[in-house]
Amino acid sequence: VPTLQEAYDIIEMEEMERDLGF
C-alpha cells in the first residue's frame, strides 16, 4: 500500500503528464 506521500507524488505526476499532453 502506498504511503500518503507516494500517493500525492503519483497524483502530481499524472497531473503534469496531463498538462504535457501525454
C-alpha atoms as a PDB file:
ATOM      1  CA  VAL A   1       0.000   0.000   0.000  1.00  0.00           C
ATOM      2  CA  PRO A   2       1.498   3.358  -0.993  1.00  0.00           C
ATOM      3  CA  THR A   3       2.093   5.929   1.692  1.00  0.00           C
ATOM      4  CA  LEU A   4       0.173   9.204   1.583  1.00  0.00           C
ATOM      5  CA  GLN A   5       3.306  10.984   0.287  1.00  0.00           C
ATOM      6  CA  GLU A   6       3.706   8.422  -2.512  1.00  0.00           C
ATOM      7  CA  ALA A   7       0.053   8.828  -3.441  1.00  0.00           C
ATOM      8  CA  TYR A   8       0.495  12.608  -3.679  1.00  0.00           C
ATOM      9  CA  ASP A   9       3.631  12.130  -5.820  1.00  0.00           C
ATOM     10  CA  ILE A  10       1.695   9.857  -8.194  1.00  0.00           C
ATOM     11  CA  ILE A  11      -1.186  12.346  -8.434  1.00  0.00           C
ATOM     12  CA  GLU A  12       1.232  15.203  -9.167  1.00  0.00           C
ATOM     13  CA  MET A  13       2.989  13.162 -11.866  1.00  0.00           C
ATOM     14  CA  GLU A  14      -0.331  12.308 -13.517  1.00  0.00           C
ATOM     15  CA  GLU A  15      -1.352  15.983 -13.492  1.00  0.00           C
ATOM     16  CA  MET A  16       1.985  17.032 -15.021  1.00  0.00           C
ATOM     17  CA  GLU A  17       1.654  14.405 -17.762  1.00  0.00           C
ATOM     18  CA  ARG A  18      -1.885  15.590 -18.483  1.00  0.00           C
ATOM     19  CA  ASP A  19      -0.608  19.175 -18.777  1.00  0.00           C
ATOM     20  CA  LEU A  20       2.116  17.986 -21.182  1.00  0.00           C
ATOM     21  CA  GLY A  21      -0.434  16.093 -23.269  1.00  0.00           C
ATOM     22  CA  PHE A  22       0.655  12.524 -22.515  1.00  0.00           C
END
